[in-house]
N, C-alpha and C. Protein backbone atom coordinates (compact mmCIF):
# COMPACT_ATOMS: atom_id res chain seq x y z
N MET A 1 0.83 -1.19 0.00
CA MET A 1 0.00 0.00 0.00
C MET A 1 0.88 1.25 0.00
N ALA A 2 1.76 1.33 0.98
CA ALA A 2 2.64 2.50 1.09
C ALA A 2 3.50 2.65 -0.16
N GLU A 3 3.98 1.52 -0.65
CA GLU A 3 4.83 1.54 -1.85
C GLU A 3 4.06 2.10 -3.04
N ARG A 4 2.84 1.67 -3.23
CA ARG A 4 2.03 2.15 -4.37
C ARG A 4 1.69 3.63 -4.24
N LEU A 5 1.55 4.10 -3.01
CA LEU A 5 1.26 5.52 -2.79
C LEU A 5 2.51 6.38 -2.79
N GLY A 6 3.67 5.73 -2.65
CA GLY A 6 4.92 6.48 -2.57
C GLY A 6 5.08 7.21 -1.24
N VAL A 7 4.57 6.58 -0.16
CA VAL A 7 4.66 7.19 1.17
C VAL A 7 5.33 6.21 2.13
N LYS A 8 5.68 6.70 3.31
CA LYS A 8 6.31 5.85 4.32
C LYS A 8 5.30 4.94 4.99
N LEU A 9 5.78 3.77 5.38
CA LEU A 9 5.00 2.82 6.17
C LEU A 9 5.53 2.87 7.59
N TYR A 10 4.63 3.06 8.54
CA TYR A 10 5.01 3.05 9.96
C TYR A 10 4.35 1.86 10.62
N ASP A 11 5.18 0.98 11.15
CA ASP A 11 4.71 -0.18 11.90
C ASP A 11 5.59 -0.26 13.14
N LYS A 12 6.49 -1.21 13.20
CA LYS A 12 7.40 -1.31 14.35
C LYS A 12 8.32 -0.08 14.44
N ASN A 13 8.67 0.52 13.28
CA ASN A 13 9.54 1.68 13.30
C ASN A 13 8.90 2.89 14.00
N LEU A 14 7.59 2.85 14.17
CA LEU A 14 6.90 3.90 14.91
C LEU A 14 7.36 3.90 16.37
N LEU A 15 7.70 2.72 16.89
CA LEU A 15 8.14 2.61 18.28
C LEU A 15 9.45 3.37 18.49
N ALA A 16 10.37 3.23 17.55
CA ALA A 16 11.65 3.94 17.65
C ALA A 16 11.44 5.44 17.58
N GLN A 17 10.55 5.87 16.69
CA GLN A 17 10.26 7.29 16.56
C GLN A 17 9.61 7.84 17.82
N ALA A 18 8.66 7.10 18.39
CA ALA A 18 8.00 7.53 19.63
C ALA A 18 9.00 7.60 20.78
N ALA A 19 9.92 6.64 20.84
CA ALA A 19 10.95 6.66 21.88
C ALA A 19 11.83 7.89 21.74
N LYS A 20 12.23 8.17 20.52
CA LYS A 20 13.07 9.35 20.25
C LYS A 20 12.33 10.63 20.63
N ASP A 21 11.07 10.74 20.21
CA ASP A 21 10.29 11.95 20.48
C ASP A 21 10.03 12.16 21.97
N SER A 22 9.83 11.07 22.71
CA SER A 22 9.40 11.17 24.10
C SER A 22 10.54 11.15 25.11
N GLY A 23 11.68 10.61 24.71
CA GLY A 23 12.78 10.46 25.65
C GLY A 23 12.76 9.15 26.41
N PHE A 24 11.75 8.32 26.16
CA PHE A 24 11.71 6.99 26.77
C PHE A 24 12.71 6.08 26.07
N CYS A 25 13.12 5.06 26.76
CA CYS A 25 13.97 4.02 26.19
C CYS A 25 13.13 3.22 25.19
N GLU A 26 13.70 2.89 24.03
CA GLU A 26 12.96 2.15 23.00
C GLU A 26 12.46 0.80 23.51
N GLU A 27 13.21 0.18 24.41
CA GLU A 27 12.81 -1.11 24.97
C GLU A 27 11.45 -1.02 25.68
N ILE A 28 11.19 0.11 26.30
CA ILE A 28 9.90 0.30 26.98
C ILE A 28 8.76 0.21 25.97
N PHE A 29 8.94 0.83 24.81
CA PHE A 29 7.91 0.78 23.77
C PHE A 29 7.74 -0.64 23.24
N GLU A 30 8.85 -1.34 23.05
CA GLU A 30 8.77 -2.72 22.56
C GLU A 30 8.04 -3.61 23.56
N ASN A 31 8.28 -3.40 24.85
CA ASN A 31 7.63 -4.21 25.88
C ASN A 31 6.15 -3.88 26.04
N HIS A 32 5.74 -2.70 25.62
CA HIS A 32 4.35 -2.28 25.76
C HIS A 32 3.61 -2.26 24.42
N ASP A 33 4.24 -2.73 23.36
CA ASP A 33 3.66 -2.62 22.02
C ASP A 33 2.32 -3.33 21.93
N GLU A 34 1.26 -2.54 21.83
CA GLU A 34 -0.12 -3.03 21.72
C GLU A 34 -0.47 -4.04 22.81
N LYS A 35 0.10 -3.83 24.00
CA LYS A 35 -0.17 -4.71 25.14
C LYS A 35 -0.39 -3.86 26.38
N PRO A 36 -1.63 -3.61 26.77
CA PRO A 36 -1.80 -2.89 28.04
C PRO A 36 -1.34 -3.80 29.17
N THR A 37 -0.51 -3.27 30.04
CA THR A 37 -0.03 -4.11 31.14
C THR A 37 -0.74 -3.72 32.42
N ASN A 38 -1.09 -4.69 33.20
CA ASN A 38 -1.74 -4.44 34.47
C ASN A 38 -0.79 -4.64 35.63
N SER A 39 0.48 -4.85 35.32
CA SER A 39 1.45 -5.11 36.38
C SER A 39 1.89 -3.80 37.01
N PHE A 40 1.39 -3.54 38.20
CA PHE A 40 1.74 -2.32 38.92
C PHE A 40 3.23 -2.29 39.23
N LEU A 41 3.78 -3.42 39.68
CA LEU A 41 5.19 -3.49 40.02
C LEU A 41 6.05 -3.21 38.79
N TYR A 42 5.70 -3.83 37.65
CA TYR A 42 6.45 -3.62 36.42
C TYR A 42 6.43 -2.14 36.05
N SER A 43 5.26 -1.51 36.13
CA SER A 43 5.14 -0.10 35.80
C SER A 43 6.02 0.76 36.70
N LEU A 44 6.04 0.45 37.98
CA LEU A 44 6.86 1.22 38.92
C LEU A 44 8.35 1.08 38.60
N VAL A 45 8.79 -0.14 38.37
CA VAL A 45 10.20 -0.39 38.09
C VAL A 45 10.60 0.28 36.78
N MET A 46 9.82 0.07 35.73
CA MET A 46 10.18 0.61 34.42
C MET A 46 10.04 2.12 34.39
N ASP A 47 9.15 2.69 35.20
CA ASP A 47 8.96 4.13 35.23
C ASP A 47 10.24 4.84 35.69
N THR A 48 11.05 4.16 36.46
CA THR A 48 12.32 4.71 36.92
C THR A 48 13.22 5.01 35.72
N TYR A 49 13.07 4.22 34.64
CA TYR A 49 13.93 4.37 33.48
C TYR A 49 13.32 5.21 32.38
N SER A 50 12.15 5.74 32.62
CA SER A 50 11.54 6.59 31.61
C SER A 50 12.16 7.97 31.72
N GLY A 51 11.89 8.77 30.74
CA GLY A 51 12.45 10.11 30.77
C GLY A 51 11.57 11.02 29.97
N GLY A 52 12.15 12.02 29.38
CA GLY A 52 11.40 12.90 28.50
C GLY A 52 10.35 13.71 29.21
N ASN A 53 9.46 14.25 28.43
CA ASN A 53 8.42 15.15 28.92
C ASN A 53 7.37 14.44 29.75
N TYR A 54 7.31 13.13 29.70
CA TYR A 54 6.26 12.38 30.38
C TYR A 54 6.59 12.14 31.85
N SER A 55 7.65 12.80 32.35
CA SER A 55 7.98 12.74 33.77
C SER A 55 7.60 14.04 34.47
N SER A 56 7.00 14.97 33.74
CA SER A 56 6.61 16.25 34.34
C SER A 56 5.36 16.07 35.20
N ALA A 57 5.03 17.11 35.95
CA ALA A 57 3.96 17.05 36.97
C ALA A 57 2.66 16.38 36.54
N PRO A 58 2.06 16.72 35.39
CA PRO A 58 0.77 16.10 35.06
C PRO A 58 0.84 14.59 34.85
N PHE A 59 2.04 14.08 34.60
CA PHE A 59 2.20 12.67 34.28
C PHE A 59 2.77 11.83 35.42
N LEU A 60 3.15 12.48 36.53
CA LEU A 60 3.85 11.77 37.60
C LEU A 60 3.10 10.55 38.14
N ASP A 61 1.80 10.68 38.35
CA ASP A 61 1.03 9.58 38.93
C ASP A 61 0.44 8.63 37.90
N MET A 62 0.72 8.89 36.65
CA MET A 62 0.16 8.07 35.57
C MET A 62 0.96 6.78 35.41
N PRO A 63 0.28 5.64 35.25
CA PRO A 63 1.00 4.38 35.02
C PRO A 63 1.84 4.46 33.75
N LEU A 64 2.93 3.73 33.74
CA LEU A 64 3.86 3.77 32.61
C LEU A 64 3.18 3.40 31.30
N ASN A 65 2.30 2.39 31.31
CA ASN A 65 1.66 1.99 30.04
C ASN A 65 0.83 3.13 29.46
N HIS A 66 0.24 3.97 30.30
CA HIS A 66 -0.52 5.13 29.80
C HIS A 66 0.43 6.17 29.20
N LYS A 67 1.57 6.37 29.86
CA LYS A 67 2.55 7.32 29.32
C LYS A 67 3.05 6.86 27.95
N VAL A 68 3.30 5.56 27.83
CA VAL A 68 3.77 5.01 26.56
C VAL A 68 2.70 5.20 25.48
N PHE A 69 1.44 4.92 25.83
CA PHE A 69 0.36 5.12 24.86
C PHE A 69 0.30 6.58 24.43
N LEU A 70 0.36 7.51 25.38
CA LEU A 70 0.29 8.94 25.04
C LEU A 70 1.46 9.37 24.17
N ALA A 71 2.64 8.84 24.45
CA ALA A 71 3.81 9.16 23.63
C ALA A 71 3.61 8.66 22.20
N GLN A 72 3.08 7.44 22.03
CA GLN A 72 2.79 6.93 20.68
C GLN A 72 1.72 7.77 20.02
N PHE A 73 0.68 8.10 20.77
CA PHE A 73 -0.43 8.92 20.28
C PHE A 73 0.12 10.24 19.73
N ASP A 74 0.98 10.90 20.51
CA ASP A 74 1.57 12.18 20.08
C ASP A 74 2.42 12.00 18.83
N THR A 75 3.21 10.94 18.79
CA THR A 75 4.06 10.68 17.62
C THR A 75 3.22 10.42 16.37
N ILE A 76 2.16 9.66 16.51
CA ILE A 76 1.27 9.39 15.37
C ILE A 76 0.70 10.69 14.83
N LYS A 77 0.24 11.56 15.72
CA LYS A 77 -0.33 12.84 15.29
C LYS A 77 0.72 13.71 14.59
N LYS A 78 1.93 13.75 15.13
CA LYS A 78 3.01 14.55 14.53
C LYS A 78 3.35 14.03 13.14
N ILE A 79 3.47 12.72 13.01
CA ILE A 79 3.80 12.13 11.71
C ILE A 79 2.72 12.47 10.69
N ALA A 80 1.45 12.32 11.06
CA ALA A 80 0.34 12.58 10.13
C ALA A 80 0.26 14.06 9.76
N GLU A 81 0.63 14.94 10.66
CA GLU A 81 0.64 16.38 10.34
C GLU A 81 1.73 16.70 9.33
N ARG A 82 2.82 15.99 9.41
CA ARG A 82 3.99 16.29 8.61
C ARG A 82 3.97 15.62 7.23
N GLU A 83 3.30 14.45 7.13
CA GLU A 83 3.37 13.71 5.87
C GLU A 83 2.20 12.74 5.71
N SER A 84 1.90 12.41 4.46
CA SER A 84 0.97 11.32 4.19
C SER A 84 1.73 10.02 4.44
N CYS A 85 1.05 9.03 5.00
CA CYS A 85 1.72 7.79 5.35
C CYS A 85 0.70 6.68 5.58
N VAL A 86 1.22 5.47 5.78
CA VAL A 86 0.41 4.32 6.17
C VAL A 86 0.89 3.91 7.56
N ILE A 87 -0.04 3.83 8.51
CA ILE A 87 0.31 3.43 9.87
C ILE A 87 -0.44 2.14 10.19
N VAL A 88 0.30 1.15 10.66
CA VAL A 88 -0.29 -0.15 10.99
C VAL A 88 -0.55 -0.20 12.49
N GLY A 89 -1.83 -0.37 12.85
CA GLY A 89 -2.21 -0.60 14.24
C GLY A 89 -1.96 0.56 15.17
N ARG A 90 -1.73 0.24 16.45
CA ARG A 90 -1.39 1.17 17.51
C ARG A 90 -2.43 2.26 17.73
N CYS A 91 -3.69 1.93 17.49
CA CYS A 91 -4.81 2.87 17.69
C CYS A 91 -4.65 4.15 16.87
N ALA A 92 -4.00 4.04 15.72
CA ALA A 92 -3.79 5.22 14.88
C ALA A 92 -5.11 5.84 14.46
N ASP A 93 -6.13 5.02 14.23
CA ASP A 93 -7.44 5.57 13.86
C ASP A 93 -7.98 6.47 14.96
N TYR A 94 -7.74 6.10 16.19
CA TYR A 94 -8.20 6.89 17.33
C TYR A 94 -7.38 8.17 17.45
N ALA A 95 -6.07 8.06 17.29
CA ALA A 95 -5.19 9.23 17.37
C ALA A 95 -5.52 10.24 16.28
N LEU A 96 -5.96 9.74 15.13
CA LEU A 96 -6.22 10.61 13.97
C LEU A 96 -7.71 10.81 13.70
N ALA A 97 -8.53 10.60 14.71
CA ALA A 97 -9.99 10.69 14.53
C ALA A 97 -10.43 12.05 14.00
N SER A 98 -9.73 13.11 14.34
CA SER A 98 -10.13 14.45 13.89
C SER A 98 -9.53 14.81 12.53
N ASN A 99 -8.75 13.92 11.94
CA ASN A 99 -8.12 14.17 10.65
C ASN A 99 -9.07 13.71 9.54
N PRO A 100 -9.62 14.66 8.77
CA PRO A 100 -10.60 14.30 7.73
C PRO A 100 -10.01 13.50 6.57
N ASP A 101 -8.69 13.50 6.44
CA ASP A 101 -8.04 12.78 5.35
C ASP A 101 -7.63 11.36 5.74
N CYS A 102 -7.88 10.99 6.98
CA CYS A 102 -7.49 9.67 7.47
C CYS A 102 -8.48 8.61 6.98
N LEU A 103 -7.95 7.54 6.43
CA LEU A 103 -8.76 6.41 5.99
C LEU A 103 -8.39 5.22 6.87
N ASN A 104 -9.37 4.71 7.60
CA ASN A 104 -9.14 3.62 8.55
C ASN A 104 -9.61 2.30 7.96
N VAL A 105 -8.68 1.36 7.84
CA VAL A 105 -8.96 0.07 7.21
C VAL A 105 -8.58 -1.05 8.17
N PHE A 106 -9.45 -2.05 8.24
CA PHE A 106 -9.16 -3.26 9.03
C PHE A 106 -9.06 -4.42 8.05
N VAL A 107 -7.87 -5.01 7.96
CA VAL A 107 -7.65 -6.14 7.06
C VAL A 107 -7.58 -7.40 7.92
N HIS A 108 -8.36 -8.39 7.55
CA HIS A 108 -8.42 -9.63 8.32
C HIS A 108 -8.50 -10.82 7.37
N ALA A 109 -8.47 -12.01 7.95
CA ALA A 109 -8.59 -13.24 7.17
C ALA A 109 -9.29 -14.28 8.04
N ASP A 110 -9.83 -15.29 7.40
CA ASP A 110 -10.46 -16.39 8.13
C ASP A 110 -9.39 -17.10 8.96
N ILE A 111 -9.79 -17.63 10.09
CA ILE A 111 -8.85 -18.25 11.03
C ILE A 111 -8.05 -19.38 10.39
N GLU A 112 -8.67 -20.17 9.54
CA GLU A 112 -7.96 -21.28 8.90
C GLU A 112 -6.80 -20.76 8.04
N ASP A 113 -7.04 -19.70 7.30
CA ASP A 113 -5.99 -19.12 6.46
C ASP A 113 -4.89 -18.50 7.32
N ARG A 114 -5.28 -17.86 8.39
CA ARG A 114 -4.29 -17.25 9.29
C ARG A 114 -3.42 -18.32 9.93
N ILE A 115 -4.03 -19.42 10.33
CA ILE A 115 -3.27 -20.52 10.94
C ILE A 115 -2.22 -21.05 9.97
N LYS A 116 -2.63 -21.28 8.72
CA LYS A 116 -1.69 -21.78 7.71
C LYS A 116 -0.54 -20.79 7.49
N THR A 117 -0.87 -19.52 7.39
CA THR A 117 0.14 -18.49 7.16
C THR A 117 1.13 -18.41 8.31
N VAL A 118 0.63 -18.35 9.53
CA VAL A 118 1.50 -18.24 10.71
C VAL A 118 2.32 -19.51 10.91
N SER A 119 1.72 -20.66 10.68
CA SER A 119 2.43 -21.93 10.80
C SER A 119 3.62 -21.98 9.84
N LYS A 120 3.38 -21.58 8.61
CA LYS A 120 4.42 -21.60 7.59
C LYS A 120 5.49 -20.53 7.87
N ARG A 121 5.06 -19.32 8.18
CA ARG A 121 6.00 -18.22 8.40
C ARG A 121 6.90 -18.46 9.61
N ASN A 122 6.33 -19.01 10.68
CA ASN A 122 7.08 -19.21 11.93
C ASN A 122 7.61 -20.63 12.09
N ASP A 123 7.34 -21.48 11.11
CA ASP A 123 7.77 -22.88 11.14
C ASP A 123 7.34 -23.56 12.45
N VAL A 124 6.02 -23.48 12.71
CA VAL A 124 5.44 -24.10 13.91
C VAL A 124 4.24 -24.95 13.49
N THR A 125 3.79 -25.80 14.39
CA THR A 125 2.61 -26.63 14.09
C THR A 125 1.38 -25.73 13.97
N GLU A 126 0.34 -26.27 13.37
CA GLU A 126 -0.90 -25.50 13.24
C GLU A 126 -1.51 -25.21 14.61
N ASN A 127 -1.40 -26.15 15.55
CA ASN A 127 -1.91 -25.90 16.90
C ASN A 127 -1.17 -24.75 17.57
N LYS A 128 0.16 -24.73 17.42
CA LYS A 128 0.97 -23.65 18.00
C LYS A 128 0.61 -22.33 17.31
N ALA A 129 0.44 -22.37 15.99
CA ALA A 129 0.07 -21.16 15.24
C ALA A 129 -1.27 -20.62 15.73
N LYS A 130 -2.22 -21.51 15.95
CA LYS A 130 -3.54 -21.09 16.45
C LYS A 130 -3.41 -20.42 17.81
N ASP A 131 -2.59 -21.00 18.68
CA ASP A 131 -2.36 -20.41 20.01
C ASP A 131 -1.73 -19.02 19.89
N LEU A 132 -0.73 -18.89 19.01
CA LEU A 132 -0.07 -17.59 18.81
C LEU A 132 -1.06 -16.54 18.32
N ILE A 133 -1.90 -16.93 17.37
CA ILE A 133 -2.90 -16.01 16.81
C ILE A 133 -3.89 -15.58 17.88
N GLN A 134 -4.39 -16.54 18.64
CA GLN A 134 -5.38 -16.21 19.67
C GLN A 134 -4.79 -15.29 20.73
N LYS A 135 -3.55 -15.55 21.12
CA LYS A 135 -2.89 -14.71 22.12
C LYS A 135 -2.70 -13.29 21.59
N LYS A 136 -2.19 -13.17 20.36
CA LYS A 136 -1.94 -11.85 19.77
C LYS A 136 -3.25 -11.10 19.55
N ASP A 137 -4.28 -11.79 19.06
CA ASP A 137 -5.58 -11.15 18.86
C ASP A 137 -6.14 -10.63 20.18
N LYS A 138 -5.99 -11.42 21.23
CA LYS A 138 -6.48 -11.02 22.55
C LYS A 138 -5.74 -9.77 23.03
N GLN A 139 -4.42 -9.74 22.84
CA GLN A 139 -3.63 -8.57 23.22
C GLN A 139 -4.05 -7.34 22.43
N ARG A 140 -4.16 -7.50 21.12
CA ARG A 140 -4.53 -6.36 20.27
C ARG A 140 -5.92 -5.85 20.61
N ALA A 141 -6.86 -6.76 20.79
CA ALA A 141 -8.23 -6.36 21.13
C ALA A 141 -8.27 -5.65 22.47
N SER A 142 -7.57 -6.19 23.44
CA SER A 142 -7.54 -5.59 24.77
C SER A 142 -6.96 -4.18 24.71
N TYR A 143 -5.86 -4.02 24.01
CA TYR A 143 -5.19 -2.72 23.86
C TYR A 143 -6.12 -1.73 23.14
N TYR A 144 -6.63 -2.15 22.00
CA TYR A 144 -7.47 -1.26 21.18
C TYR A 144 -8.75 -0.89 21.93
N ASN A 145 -9.42 -1.86 22.49
CA ASN A 145 -10.69 -1.60 23.19
C ASN A 145 -10.47 -0.69 24.40
N TYR A 146 -9.37 -0.89 25.11
CA TYR A 146 -9.08 -0.11 26.31
C TYR A 146 -8.79 1.35 25.96
N TYR A 147 -7.89 1.55 24.99
CA TYR A 147 -7.45 2.92 24.70
C TYR A 147 -8.35 3.68 23.74
N SER A 148 -9.08 3.00 22.89
CA SER A 148 -9.91 3.72 21.91
C SER A 148 -11.36 3.81 22.33
N CYS A 149 -11.78 3.01 23.29
CA CYS A 149 -13.20 2.93 23.70
C CYS A 149 -14.07 2.46 22.54
N LYS A 150 -13.47 1.76 21.61
CA LYS A 150 -14.20 1.14 20.50
C LYS A 150 -13.87 -0.35 20.54
N LYS A 151 -14.46 -1.11 19.62
CA LYS A 151 -14.24 -2.55 19.62
C LYS A 151 -13.36 -2.94 18.43
N TRP A 152 -12.23 -3.58 18.76
CA TRP A 152 -11.29 -4.03 17.74
C TRP A 152 -11.98 -5.05 16.83
N GLY A 153 -11.87 -4.83 15.52
CA GLY A 153 -12.45 -5.75 14.56
C GLY A 153 -13.89 -5.46 14.20
N ASP A 154 -14.56 -4.60 14.95
CA ASP A 154 -15.95 -4.24 14.67
C ASP A 154 -15.96 -3.28 13.48
N SER A 155 -16.68 -3.63 12.44
CA SER A 155 -16.67 -2.83 11.21
C SER A 155 -17.07 -1.38 11.44
N ARG A 156 -17.83 -1.11 12.49
CA ARG A 156 -18.24 0.27 12.78
C ARG A 156 -17.07 1.14 13.25
N SER A 157 -15.97 0.51 13.60
CA SER A 157 -14.79 1.25 14.06
C SER A 157 -13.88 1.68 12.90
N TYR A 158 -14.22 1.28 11.68
CA TYR A 158 -13.34 1.51 10.53
C TYR A 158 -14.15 2.04 9.35
N ASP A 159 -13.46 2.67 8.40
CA ASP A 159 -14.11 3.10 7.17
C ASP A 159 -14.33 1.92 6.24
N LEU A 160 -13.44 0.95 6.33
CA LEU A 160 -13.44 -0.16 5.38
C LEU A 160 -12.85 -1.40 6.07
N THR A 161 -13.47 -2.55 5.86
CA THR A 161 -12.88 -3.81 6.34
C THR A 161 -12.75 -4.76 5.14
N LEU A 162 -11.63 -5.44 5.06
CA LEU A 162 -11.36 -6.31 3.93
C LEU A 162 -10.88 -7.67 4.41
N ASN A 163 -11.35 -8.72 3.74
CA ASN A 163 -11.03 -10.10 4.11
C ASN A 163 -10.09 -10.69 3.06
N THR A 164 -8.83 -10.92 3.45
CA THR A 164 -7.86 -11.47 2.50
C THR A 164 -8.04 -12.96 2.25
N SER A 165 -9.04 -13.57 2.87
CA SER A 165 -9.38 -14.95 2.51
C SER A 165 -10.26 -14.96 1.26
N LYS A 166 -10.85 -13.82 0.95
CA LYS A 166 -11.74 -13.72 -0.21
C LYS A 166 -11.06 -13.07 -1.40
N ILE A 167 -10.14 -12.16 -1.13
CA ILE A 167 -9.41 -11.47 -2.19
C ILE A 167 -7.94 -11.40 -1.80
N THR A 168 -7.08 -11.16 -2.78
CA THR A 168 -5.64 -11.12 -2.52
C THR A 168 -5.26 -9.79 -1.85
N PRO A 169 -4.10 -9.76 -1.21
CA PRO A 169 -3.63 -8.49 -0.65
C PRO A 169 -3.52 -7.39 -1.72
N GLU A 170 -3.10 -7.75 -2.92
CA GLU A 170 -3.00 -6.77 -4.01
C GLU A 170 -4.38 -6.21 -4.36
N GLN A 171 -5.40 -7.08 -4.37
CA GLN A 171 -6.76 -6.61 -4.63
C GLN A 171 -7.25 -5.72 -3.50
N CYS A 172 -6.84 -6.02 -2.28
CA CYS A 172 -7.18 -5.15 -1.14
C CYS A 172 -6.62 -3.75 -1.38
N VAL A 173 -5.37 -3.68 -1.81
CA VAL A 173 -4.75 -2.38 -2.08
C VAL A 173 -5.52 -1.64 -3.16
N ASP A 174 -5.92 -2.35 -4.23
CA ASP A 174 -6.71 -1.73 -5.30
C ASP A 174 -8.00 -1.13 -4.74
N ILE A 175 -8.67 -1.86 -3.89
CA ILE A 175 -9.94 -1.40 -3.30
C ILE A 175 -9.70 -0.19 -2.40
N ILE A 176 -8.66 -0.25 -1.58
CA ILE A 176 -8.35 0.86 -0.68
C ILE A 176 -8.04 2.12 -1.48
N LEU A 177 -7.25 1.98 -2.54
CA LEU A 177 -6.91 3.14 -3.37
C LEU A 177 -8.14 3.71 -4.07
N ALA A 178 -9.02 2.84 -4.56
CA ALA A 178 -10.26 3.30 -5.20
C ALA A 178 -11.14 4.03 -4.18
N TYR A 179 -11.23 3.50 -2.99
CA TYR A 179 -12.02 4.12 -1.91
C TYR A 179 -11.45 5.49 -1.56
N ARG A 180 -10.12 5.55 -1.45
CA ARG A 180 -9.44 6.81 -1.13
C ARG A 180 -9.71 7.86 -2.22
N GLU A 181 -9.67 7.43 -3.47
CA GLU A 181 -9.93 8.34 -4.59
C GLU A 181 -11.36 8.90 -4.50
N LYS A 182 -12.33 8.04 -4.19
CA LYS A 182 -13.72 8.49 -4.05
C LYS A 182 -13.87 9.45 -2.87
N MET A 183 -13.15 9.18 -1.79
CA MET A 183 -13.17 10.09 -0.64
C MET A 183 -12.69 11.48 -1.05
N GLN A 184 -11.59 11.52 -1.81
CA GLN A 184 -11.03 12.80 -2.25
C GLN A 184 -11.98 13.51 -3.21
N GLU A 185 -12.63 12.76 -4.11
CA GLU A 185 -13.61 13.36 -5.03
C GLU A 185 -14.77 13.97 -4.25
N ASN A 186 -15.28 13.24 -3.28
CA ASN A 186 -16.40 13.73 -2.47
C ASN A 186 -16.01 14.97 -1.67
N LYS A 187 -14.78 15.01 -1.21
CA LYS A 187 -14.30 16.16 -0.45
C LYS A 187 -14.25 17.40 -1.34
N LYS A 188 -13.80 17.22 -2.59
CA LYS A 188 -13.73 18.34 -3.54
C LYS A 188 -15.12 18.85 -3.91
N ASN A 189 -16.10 17.95 -3.99
CA ASN A 189 -17.45 18.31 -4.41
C ASN A 189 -18.29 18.95 -3.31
N LYS A 190 -17.77 19.01 -2.10
CA LYS A 190 -18.53 19.62 -1.00
C LYS A 190 -18.39 21.11 -0.98
């Protein structure tokens, strides 16, 4: 998608950018990536190693996972203000809710196809792949639902949802680009 648009793709590299912008250690972002943590002790210990602007008075009593989310939220907003881009996950739709040019897409696949893909990619059994998928989906849903107050995977939370079990990833990109073009046309006609 990003390649066809000629824009940057932000996924895991967003964590490094958020760490740089916030002054937090990059490891903190990696440990909290789309995983709300309920460990009070972990938050206290890791908070000792945080830095940046998120240690000032309004943030002192805030749990570390909230500070990390806010730092990512701020970085997402800064990136979108500065450039057109594709951002994968991390509640970017929520961070950019007030951006009229933001197109929110949820790409999914049937569980059987996902199991085969993960099993092959990670060289694990299908049972192990299913466990990995369920664990990751639970983490993502928990993170998204908690921070966005919306439901992860619910079509009402997105402009467009696409199933790669029915069409290829390339066809998904074609549909997204066509949808984006119609959005831009409608914006001009208003």
